Amino acid sequence: MRQRQALQDARRAREFEAFVAGAAGRLLRAATLLTGEPSDDNPRARKLLTAALGRTYASWDRLRGEDPYDCARKDLAVRFARGAWRQHRARGGALGRLSPQERLVLVLRLFEGVGEEQTASLLGLPAERVRTVHARAMALVLHPPRGPAPADLRGAAPA
């Protein structure tokens, strides 16, 4: 009996390692986009990814017939939505001026290619709300608000 359990555990570990080898890079990129950290210094994104992969591994045997990538992505998004956006703002870049909810919707819809209805279901929002948040986020990324004029132009005397 123990030998059989050991063989099942080894098979499970191999399957999960293969999954991580194929999916971790993309999931880390999504987590990095969510947290707004630079890709070379992203401890919050790595923490989100580690937690999502840990939960995926814990439920690995129950995932038969389901896509483990979808489950890991869902856990990543839910973890970000529940806690990360209340504690931290993005540090800049194109997504830095977005609210955490706008970033989450934009990353799911554009980077991950998740459909509107699926995004709404994942986040527990009405589809119309997802559509509105997505449109607002796209507008902010494509047409950022103009800031004040640089100081050297404001203080310069006309020639």
N, C-alpha and C. Protein backbone atom coordinates (compact mmCIF):
# COMPACT_ATOMS: atom_id res chain seq x y z
N MET A 1 0.82 -1.19 0.00
CA MET A 1 0.00 0.00 0.00
C MET A 1 0.87 1.26 0.00
N ARG A 2 1.90 1.28 0.84
CA ARG A 2 2.79 2.44 0.89
C ARG A 2 3.51 2.64 -0.44
N GLN A 3 3.88 1.55 -1.06
CA GLN A 3 4.58 1.66 -2.34
C GLN A 3 3.66 2.26 -3.40
N ARG A 4 2.42 1.86 -3.39
CA ARG A 4 1.45 2.40 -4.33
C ARG A 4 1.26 3.90 -4.10
N GLN A 5 1.16 4.32 -2.85
CA GLN A 5 1.02 5.74 -2.51
C GLN A 5 2.26 6.51 -2.94
N ALA A 6 3.42 5.94 -2.74
CA ALA A 6 4.67 6.58 -3.14
C ALA A 6 4.72 6.77 -4.65
N LEU A 7 4.27 5.78 -5.40
CA LEU A 7 4.24 5.89 -6.86
C LEU A 7 3.26 6.97 -7.30
N GLN A 8 2.10 7.05 -6.64
CA GLN A 8 1.12 8.09 -6.98
C GLN A 8 1.66 9.48 -6.65
N ASP A 9 2.35 9.61 -5.51
CA ASP A 9 2.94 10.89 -5.14
C ASP A 9 4.01 11.31 -6.13
N ALA A 10 4.82 10.35 -6.58
CA ALA A 10 5.88 10.65 -7.55
C ALA A 10 5.27 11.08 -8.88
N ARG A 11 4.22 10.39 -9.31
CA ARG A 11 3.54 10.75 -10.57
C ARG A 11 2.95 12.16 -10.45
N ARG A 12 2.30 12.42 -9.33
CA ARG A 12 1.71 13.74 -9.09
C ARG A 12 2.78 14.83 -9.13
N ALA A 13 3.90 14.59 -8.48
CA ALA A 13 5.00 15.57 -8.47
C ALA A 13 5.53 15.80 -9.88
N ARG A 14 5.70 14.74 -10.66
CA ARG A 14 6.19 14.89 -12.05
C ARG A 14 5.21 15.70 -12.90
N GLU A 15 3.92 15.38 -12.76
CA GLU A 15 2.91 16.11 -13.53
C GLU A 15 2.91 17.59 -13.16
N PHE A 16 2.98 17.87 -11.87
CA PHE A 16 2.97 19.26 -11.43
C PHE A 16 4.23 19.99 -11.87
N GLU A 17 5.37 19.34 -11.78
CA GLU A 17 6.62 19.96 -12.23
C GLU A 17 6.56 20.29 -13.71
N ALA A 18 5.97 19.40 -14.51
CA ALA A 18 5.82 19.66 -15.94
C ALA A 18 4.89 20.85 -16.17
N PHE A 19 3.83 20.92 -15.40
CA PHE A 19 2.91 22.05 -15.50
C PHE A 19 3.63 23.36 -15.17
N VAL A 20 4.35 23.38 -14.06
CA VAL A 20 5.06 24.58 -13.63
C VAL A 20 6.10 24.99 -14.67
N ALA A 21 6.80 24.02 -15.22
CA ALA A 21 7.81 24.34 -16.25
C ALA A 21 7.18 25.04 -17.44
N GLY A 22 5.97 24.65 -17.79
CA GLY A 22 5.31 25.25 -18.94
C GLY A 22 4.52 26.51 -18.65
N ALA A 23 4.04 26.68 -17.43
CA ALA A 23 3.10 27.76 -17.14
C ALA A 23 3.64 28.86 -16.23
N ALA A 24 4.67 28.58 -15.46
CA ALA A 24 5.12 29.53 -14.44
C ALA A 24 5.58 30.85 -15.04
N GLY A 25 6.24 30.83 -16.17
CA GLY A 25 6.72 32.07 -16.78
C GLY A 25 5.58 33.01 -17.14
N ARG A 26 4.57 32.48 -17.77
CA ARG A 26 3.43 33.30 -18.16
C ARG A 26 2.65 33.78 -16.94
N LEU A 27 2.48 32.90 -15.96
CA LEU A 27 1.78 33.31 -14.73
C LEU A 27 2.58 34.37 -13.97
N LEU A 28 3.90 34.25 -13.96
CA LEU A 28 4.72 35.26 -13.29
C LEU A 28 4.59 36.60 -14.01
N ARG A 29 4.56 36.57 -15.32
CA ARG A 29 4.40 37.82 -16.09
C ARG A 29 3.05 38.46 -15.77
N ALA A 30 2.00 37.66 -15.69
CA ALA A 30 0.68 38.20 -15.33
C ALA A 30 0.70 38.79 -13.92
N ALA A 31 1.33 38.08 -12.98
CA ALA A 31 1.42 38.59 -11.61
C ALA A 31 2.23 39.88 -11.56
N THR A 32 3.28 39.96 -12.34
CA THR A 32 4.11 41.17 -12.39
C THR A 32 3.31 42.35 -12.95
N LEU A 33 2.52 42.09 -13.97
CA LEU A 33 1.66 43.15 -14.51
C LEU A 33 0.63 43.60 -13.47
N LEU A 34 0.09 42.66 -12.73
CA LEU A 34 -0.90 43.02 -11.71
C LEU A 34 -0.29 43.87 -10.61
N THR A 35 0.88 43.50 -10.14
CA THR A 35 1.49 44.24 -9.03
C THR A 35 2.15 45.52 -9.48
N GLY A 36 2.43 45.65 -10.77
CA GLY A 36 3.07 46.85 -11.28
C GLY A 36 4.55 46.93 -10.95
N GLU A 37 5.15 45.82 -10.59
CA GLU A 37 6.57 45.81 -10.25
C GLU A 37 7.41 45.63 -11.51
N PRO A 38 8.66 46.08 -11.48
CA PRO A 38 9.54 45.80 -12.62
C PRO A 38 9.82 44.30 -12.72
N SER A 39 10.00 43.80 -13.91
CA SER A 39 10.16 42.36 -14.09
C SER A 39 11.43 41.81 -13.45
N ASP A 40 12.43 42.65 -13.20
CA ASP A 40 13.67 42.17 -12.59
C ASP A 40 13.66 42.32 -11.06
N ASP A 41 12.63 42.93 -10.50
CA ASP A 41 12.51 43.12 -9.05
C ASP A 41 11.03 43.04 -8.68
N ASN A 42 10.54 41.81 -8.54
CA ASN A 42 9.10 41.62 -8.36
C ASN A 42 8.76 40.68 -7.20
N PRO A 43 9.12 41.01 -5.98
CA PRO A 43 8.85 40.09 -4.87
C PRO A 43 7.36 39.87 -4.60
N ARG A 44 6.52 40.90 -4.75
CA ARG A 44 5.09 40.72 -4.52
C ARG A 44 4.48 39.81 -5.57
N ALA A 45 4.92 39.96 -6.82
CA ALA A 45 4.43 39.09 -7.88
C ALA A 45 4.85 37.64 -7.64
N ARG A 46 6.07 37.44 -7.21
CA ARG A 46 6.55 36.08 -6.91
C ARG A 46 5.78 35.47 -5.75
N LYS A 47 5.45 36.29 -4.77
CA LYS A 47 4.67 35.80 -3.62
C LYS A 47 3.27 35.40 -4.07
N LEU A 48 2.64 36.21 -4.91
CA LEU A 48 1.33 35.86 -5.46
C LEU A 48 1.39 34.55 -6.23
N LEU A 49 2.42 34.42 -7.08
CA LEU A 49 2.56 33.21 -7.89
C LEU A 49 2.80 31.99 -7.02
N THR A 50 3.66 32.11 -6.02
CA THR A 50 3.95 30.98 -5.14
C THR A 50 2.69 30.51 -4.43
N ALA A 51 1.89 31.44 -3.93
CA ALA A 51 0.65 31.08 -3.25
C ALA A 51 -0.33 30.41 -4.21
N ALA A 52 -0.44 30.94 -5.42
CA ALA A 52 -1.36 30.36 -6.41
C ALA A 52 -0.90 28.95 -6.81
N LEU A 53 0.39 28.77 -7.02
CA LEU A 53 0.89 27.45 -7.38
C LEU A 53 0.76 26.47 -6.21
N GLY A 54 0.94 26.95 -4.99
CA GLY A 54 0.77 26.09 -3.83
C GLY A 54 -0.65 25.57 -3.72
N ARG A 55 -1.60 26.45 -3.95
CA ARG A 55 -3.00 26.03 -3.89
C ARG A 55 -3.32 25.08 -5.05
N THR A 56 -2.76 25.35 -6.21
CA THR A 56 -2.98 24.46 -7.36
C THR A 56 -2.43 23.07 -7.07
N TYR A 57 -1.24 23.03 -6.47
CA TYR A 57 -0.65 21.72 -6.14
C TYR A 57 -1.50 20.99 -5.10
N ALA A 58 -2.00 21.73 -4.12
CA ALA A 58 -2.81 21.11 -3.07
C ALA A 58 -4.08 20.49 -3.63
N SER A 59 -4.61 21.06 -4.68
CA SER A 59 -5.84 20.52 -5.27
C SER A 59 -5.58 19.76 -6.57
N TRP A 60 -4.35 19.38 -6.82
CA TRP A 60 -3.96 18.75 -8.09
C TRP A 60 -4.78 17.51 -8.40
N ASP A 61 -4.98 16.64 -7.42
CA ASP A 61 -5.71 15.40 -7.68
C ASP A 61 -7.18 15.65 -8.01
N ARG A 62 -7.74 16.75 -7.53
CA ARG A 62 -9.14 17.07 -7.81
C ARG A 62 -9.32 17.80 -9.14
N LEU A 63 -8.22 18.13 -9.80
CA LEU A 63 -8.31 18.90 -11.05
C LEU A 63 -8.49 18.03 -12.29
N ARG A 64 -8.64 16.78 -12.12
CA ARG A 64 -8.79 15.89 -13.29
C ARG A 64 -9.90 16.40 -14.19
N GLY A 65 -9.58 16.60 -15.44
CA GLY A 65 -10.55 17.09 -16.40
C GLY A 65 -10.61 18.60 -16.49
N GLU A 66 -10.00 19.31 -15.54
CA GLU A 66 -9.96 20.77 -15.58
C GLU A 66 -8.58 21.22 -16.03
N ASP A 67 -8.51 22.43 -16.53
CA ASP A 67 -7.23 22.99 -16.94
C ASP A 67 -6.53 23.58 -15.72
N PRO A 68 -5.37 23.03 -15.33
CA PRO A 68 -4.69 23.56 -14.15
C PRO A 68 -4.24 25.01 -14.34
N TYR A 69 -3.97 25.43 -15.58
CA TYR A 69 -3.58 26.82 -15.82
C TYR A 69 -4.73 27.76 -15.46
N ASP A 70 -5.94 27.39 -15.86
CA ASP A 70 -7.11 28.23 -15.52
C ASP A 70 -7.28 28.33 -14.00
N CYS A 71 -7.08 27.21 -13.32
CA CYS A 71 -7.22 27.23 -11.85
C CYS A 71 -6.15 28.09 -11.21
N ALA A 72 -4.91 27.98 -11.67
CA ALA A 72 -3.82 28.79 -11.11
C ALA A 72 -4.04 30.27 -11.42
N ARG A 73 -4.47 30.59 -12.64
CA ARG A 73 -4.74 31.98 -13.01
C ARG A 73 -5.88 32.55 -12.18
N LYS A 74 -6.91 31.76 -11.96
CA LYS A 74 -8.04 32.20 -11.15
C LYS A 74 -7.57 32.49 -9.74
N ASP A 75 -6.80 31.60 -9.16
CA ASP A 75 -6.31 31.81 -7.80
C ASP A 75 -5.43 33.06 -7.73
N LEU A 76 -4.59 33.26 -8.72
CA LEU A 76 -3.73 34.44 -8.78
C LEU A 76 -4.57 35.71 -8.80
N ALA A 77 -5.57 35.74 -9.65
CA ALA A 77 -6.44 36.92 -9.78
C ALA A 77 -7.23 37.17 -8.51
N VAL A 78 -7.77 36.11 -7.91
CA VAL A 78 -8.58 36.27 -6.70
C VAL A 78 -7.70 36.74 -5.55
N ARG A 79 -6.51 36.19 -5.41
CA ARG A 79 -5.60 36.64 -4.35
C ARG A 79 -5.25 38.11 -4.52
N PHE A 80 -4.99 38.52 -5.75
CA PHE A 80 -4.68 39.92 -6.00
C PHE A 80 -5.89 40.79 -5.66
N ALA A 81 -7.06 40.37 -6.11
CA ALA A 81 -8.28 41.16 -5.88
C ALA A 81 -8.61 41.27 -4.40
N ARG A 82 -8.39 40.22 -3.64
CA ARG A 82 -8.78 40.23 -2.22
C ARG A 82 -7.85 41.05 -1.35
N GLY A 83 -6.59 41.12 -1.69
CA GLY A 83 -5.70 41.77 -0.74
C GLY A 83 -4.69 42.72 -1.32
N ALA A 84 -4.07 42.35 -2.39
CA ALA A 84 -2.94 43.12 -2.89
C ALA A 84 -3.33 44.53 -3.30
N TRP A 85 -4.49 44.74 -3.88
CA TRP A 85 -4.81 46.07 -4.37
C TRP A 85 -5.17 47.02 -3.24
N ARG A 86 -5.46 46.50 -2.07
CA ARG A 86 -5.76 47.38 -0.95
C ARG A 86 -4.49 47.90 -0.29
N GLN A 87 -3.38 47.23 -0.52
CA GLN A 87 -2.15 47.55 0.20
C GLN A 87 -1.11 48.28 -0.63
N HIS A 88 -1.13 48.12 -1.92
CA HIS A 88 -0.03 48.65 -2.74
C HIS A 88 -0.55 49.27 -4.03
N ARG A 89 0.14 50.27 -4.48
CA ARG A 89 -0.11 50.87 -5.79
C ARG A 89 1.01 50.45 -6.73
N ALA A 90 0.74 50.46 -7.99
CA ALA A 90 1.77 50.14 -8.97
C ALA A 90 2.83 51.23 -8.96
N ARG A 91 4.03 50.89 -9.38
CA ARG A 91 5.14 51.84 -9.32
C ARG A 91 5.38 52.59 -10.62
N GLY A 92 4.53 52.53 -11.56
CA GLY A 92 4.74 53.28 -12.78
C GLY A 92 4.48 52.43 -14.01
N GLY A 93 4.99 52.87 -15.12
CA GLY A 93 4.76 52.17 -16.36
C GLY A 93 3.38 52.47 -16.90
N ALA A 94 3.05 51.83 -18.00
CA ALA A 94 1.77 52.09 -18.65
C ALA A 94 0.59 51.72 -17.77
N LEU A 95 0.74 50.69 -16.94
CA LEU A 95 -0.37 50.28 -16.08
C LEU A 95 -0.35 50.97 -14.72
N GLY A 96 0.69 51.75 -14.44
CA GLY A 96 0.83 52.39 -13.15
C GLY A 96 -0.24 53.40 -12.81
N ARG A 97 -0.84 54.01 -13.80
CA ARG A 97 -1.87 55.00 -13.52
C ARG A 97 -3.26 54.39 -13.39
N LEU A 98 -3.36 53.08 -13.55
CA LEU A 98 -4.64 52.39 -13.42
C LEU A 98 -4.90 51.99 -11.97
N SER A 99 -6.17 51.92 -11.62
CA SER A 99 -6.53 51.38 -10.31
C SER A 99 -6.25 49.88 -10.34
N PRO A 100 -6.12 49.26 -9.17
CA PRO A 100 -5.89 47.82 -9.16
C PRO A 100 -6.98 47.03 -9.89
N GLN A 101 -8.24 47.44 -9.76
CA GLN A 101 -9.31 46.74 -10.46
C GLN A 101 -9.16 46.89 -11.97
N GLU A 102 -8.80 48.08 -12.42
CA GLU A 102 -8.59 48.29 -13.86
C GLU A 102 -7.43 47.43 -14.36
N ARG A 103 -6.35 47.39 -13.58
CA ARG A 103 -5.21 46.54 -13.96
C ARG A 103 -5.61 45.09 -14.05
N LEU A 104 -6.37 44.62 -13.05
CA LEU A 104 -6.79 43.22 -13.03
C LEU A 104 -7.63 42.88 -14.26
N VAL A 105 -8.60 43.71 -14.55
CA VAL A 105 -9.45 43.46 -15.72
C VAL A 105 -8.64 43.52 -17.01
N LEU A 106 -7.77 44.50 -17.13
CA LEU A 106 -6.97 44.64 -18.34
C LEU A 106 -6.02 43.46 -18.53
N VAL A 107 -5.37 43.03 -17.47
CA VAL A 107 -4.45 41.89 -17.58
C VAL A 107 -5.22 40.62 -17.95
N LEU A 108 -6.35 40.40 -17.31
CA LEU A 108 -7.14 39.20 -17.64
C LEU A 108 -7.64 39.24 -19.07
N ARG A 109 -8.18 40.39 -19.47
CA ARG A 109 -8.78 40.48 -20.82
C ARG A 109 -7.74 40.51 -21.93
N LEU A 110 -6.70 41.33 -21.78
CA LEU A 110 -5.74 41.49 -22.88
C LEU A 110 -4.58 40.50 -22.81
N PHE A 111 -3.90 40.44 -21.69
CA PHE A 111 -2.72 39.59 -21.60
C PHE A 111 -3.10 38.11 -21.56
N GLU A 112 -4.12 37.79 -20.78
CA GLU A 112 -4.51 36.39 -20.62
C GLU A 112 -5.56 35.95 -21.63
N GLY A 113 -6.24 36.89 -22.28
CA GLY A 113 -7.23 36.53 -23.28
C GLY A 113 -8.50 35.92 -22.71
N VAL A 114 -8.83 36.26 -21.48
CA VAL A 114 -10.03 35.74 -20.83
C VAL A 114 -11.23 36.53 -21.33
N GLY A 115 -12.28 35.85 -21.68
CA GLY A 115 -13.48 36.49 -22.19
C GLY A 115 -14.17 37.35 -21.15
N GLU A 116 -15.01 38.24 -21.63
CA GLU A 116 -15.70 39.18 -20.75
C GLU A 116 -16.58 38.48 -19.72
N GLU A 117 -17.36 37.53 -20.15
CA GLU A 117 -18.25 36.81 -19.25
C GLU A 117 -17.45 36.00 -18.22
N GLN A 118 -16.37 35.37 -18.67
CA GLN A 118 -15.54 34.58 -17.77
C GLN A 118 -14.85 35.49 -16.75
N THR A 119 -14.38 36.65 -17.19
CA THR A 119 -13.77 37.62 -16.28
C THR A 119 -14.78 38.09 -15.25
N ALA A 120 -15.98 38.37 -15.69
CA ALA A 120 -17.04 38.80 -14.77
C ALA A 120 -17.33 37.72 -13.74
N SER A 121 -17.43 36.49 -14.18
CA SER A 121 -17.69 35.38 -13.27
C SER A 121 -16.54 35.20 -12.28
N LEU A 122 -15.32 35.28 -12.78
CA LEU A 122 -14.14 35.10 -11.95
C LEU A 122 -14.07 36.15 -10.84
N LEU A 123 -14.41 37.40 -11.19
CA LEU A 123 -14.31 38.50 -10.24
C LEU A 123 -15.61 38.77 -9.47
N GLY A 124 -16.67 38.06 -9.83
CA GLY A 124 -17.94 38.28 -9.14
C GLY A 124 -18.56 39.62 -9.46
N LEU A 125 -18.36 40.07 -10.69
CA LEU A 125 -18.90 41.35 -11.14
C LEU A 125 -19.88 41.13 -12.28
N PRO A 126 -20.80 42.05 -12.49
CA PRO A 126 -21.64 41.96 -13.69
C PRO A 126 -20.79 42.19 -14.95
N ALA A 127 -21.18 41.57 -16.04
CA ALA A 127 -20.44 41.71 -17.30
C ALA A 127 -20.37 43.17 -17.73
N GLU A 128 -21.44 43.92 -17.49
CA GLU A 128 -21.45 45.34 -17.86
C GLU A 128 -20.38 46.11 -17.10
N ARG A 129 -20.17 45.76 -15.84
CA ARG A 129 -19.13 46.43 -15.03
C ARG A 129 -17.75 46.10 -15.59
N VAL A 130 -17.52 44.85 -15.96
CA VAL A 130 -16.24 44.46 -16.55
C VAL A 130 -16.02 45.23 -17.85
N ARG A 131 -17.07 45.35 -18.66
CA ARG A 131 -16.98 46.08 -19.92
C ARG A 131 -16.62 47.55 -19.68
N THR A 132 -17.24 48.16 -18.67
CA THR A 132 -16.98 49.57 -18.35
C THR A 132 -15.56 49.76 -17.82
N VAL A 133 -15.14 48.90 -16.91
CA VAL A 133 -13.79 49.00 -16.35
C VAL A 133 -12.75 48.80 -17.44
N HIS A 134 -12.99 47.83 -18.31
CA HIS A 134 -12.06 47.56 -19.42
C HIS A 134 -11.96 48.76 -20.35
N ALA A 135 -13.08 49.35 -20.70
CA ALA A 135 -13.08 50.52 -21.59
C ALA A 135 -12.33 51.70 -20.96
N ARG A 136 -12.58 51.93 -19.67
CA ARG A 136 -11.91 53.03 -18.97
C ARG A 136 -10.40 52.78 -18.90
N ALA A 137 -10.01 51.55 -18.60
CA ALA A 137 -8.58 51.21 -18.51
C ALA A 137 -7.90 51.37 -19.86
N MET A 138 -8.55 50.93 -20.91
CA MET A 138 -7.98 51.07 -22.25
C MET A 138 -7.82 52.55 -22.60
N ALA A 139 -8.81 53.35 -22.27
CA ALA A 139 -8.72 54.78 -22.56
C ALA A 139 -7.56 55.43 -21.81
N LEU A 140 -7.36 55.04 -20.56
CA LEU A 140 -6.25 55.62 -19.78
C LEU A 140 -4.89 55.17 -20.30
N VAL A 141 -4.80 53.94 -20.76
CA VAL A 141 -3.52 53.45 -21.28
C VAL A 141 -3.22 54.08 -22.64
N LEU A 142 -4.23 54.15 -23.49
CA LEU A 142 -4.02 54.68 -24.84
C LEU A 142 -3.95 56.20 -24.89
N HIS A 143 -4.67 56.86 -24.00
CA HIS A 143 -4.72 58.33 -23.98
C HIS A 143 -4.53 58.82 -22.56
N PRO A 144 -3.29 58.79 -22.05
CA PRO A 144 -3.06 59.20 -20.66
C PRO A 144 -3.41 60.68 -20.47
N PRO A 145 -3.86 61.02 -19.26
CA PRO A 145 -4.19 62.42 -19.00
C PRO A 145 -2.94 63.28 -19.06
N ARG A 146 -3.11 64.49 -19.52
CA ARG A 146 -1.97 65.41 -19.62
C ARG A 146 -1.70 66.01 -18.26
N GLY A 147 -0.44 66.12 -17.94
CA GLY A 147 -0.04 66.72 -16.66
C GLY A 147 0.24 68.20 -16.85
N PRO A 148 0.68 68.85 -15.79
CA PRO A 148 1.02 70.27 -15.90
C PRO A 148 2.23 70.47 -16.80
N ALA A 149 2.36 71.66 -17.32
CA ALA A 149 3.50 71.97 -18.19
C ALA A 149 4.79 71.93 -17.37
N PRO A 150 5.91 71.55 -17.98
CA PRO A 150 7.19 71.54 -17.25
C PRO A 150 7.50 72.92 -16.69
N ALA A 151 8.19 72.95 -15.57
CA ALA A 151 8.48 74.21 -14.85
C ALA A 151 9.28 75.18 -15.71
N ASP A 152 10.20 74.70 -16.53
CA ASP A 152 11.02 75.62 -17.31
C ASP A 152 10.21 76.32 -18.39
N LEU A 153 9.08 75.73 -18.84
CA LEU A 153 8.24 76.39 -19.83
C LEU A 153 7.28 77.36 -19.17
N ARG A 154 6.83 77.07 -17.96
CA ARG A 154 5.89 77.97 -17.28
C ARG A 154 6.57 79.27 -16.84
N GLY A 155 7.80 79.14 -16.40
CA GLY A 155 8.48 80.32 -15.86
C GLY A 155 9.25 81.13 -16.90
N ALA A 156 9.31 80.65 -18.12
CA ALA A 156 10.09 81.34 -19.16
C ALA A 156 9.35 82.58 -19.65
N ALA A 157 10.08 83.65 -19.80
CA ALA A 157 9.50 84.89 -20.32
C ALA A 157 9.38 84.78 -21.84
N PRO A 158 8.34 85.35 -22.41
CA PRO A 158 8.19 85.29 -23.87
C PRO A 158 9.35 86.04 -24.54
N ALA A 159 9.79 85.49 -25.64
CA ALA A 159 10.94 86.10 -26.35
C ALA A 159 10.53 87.18 -27.30
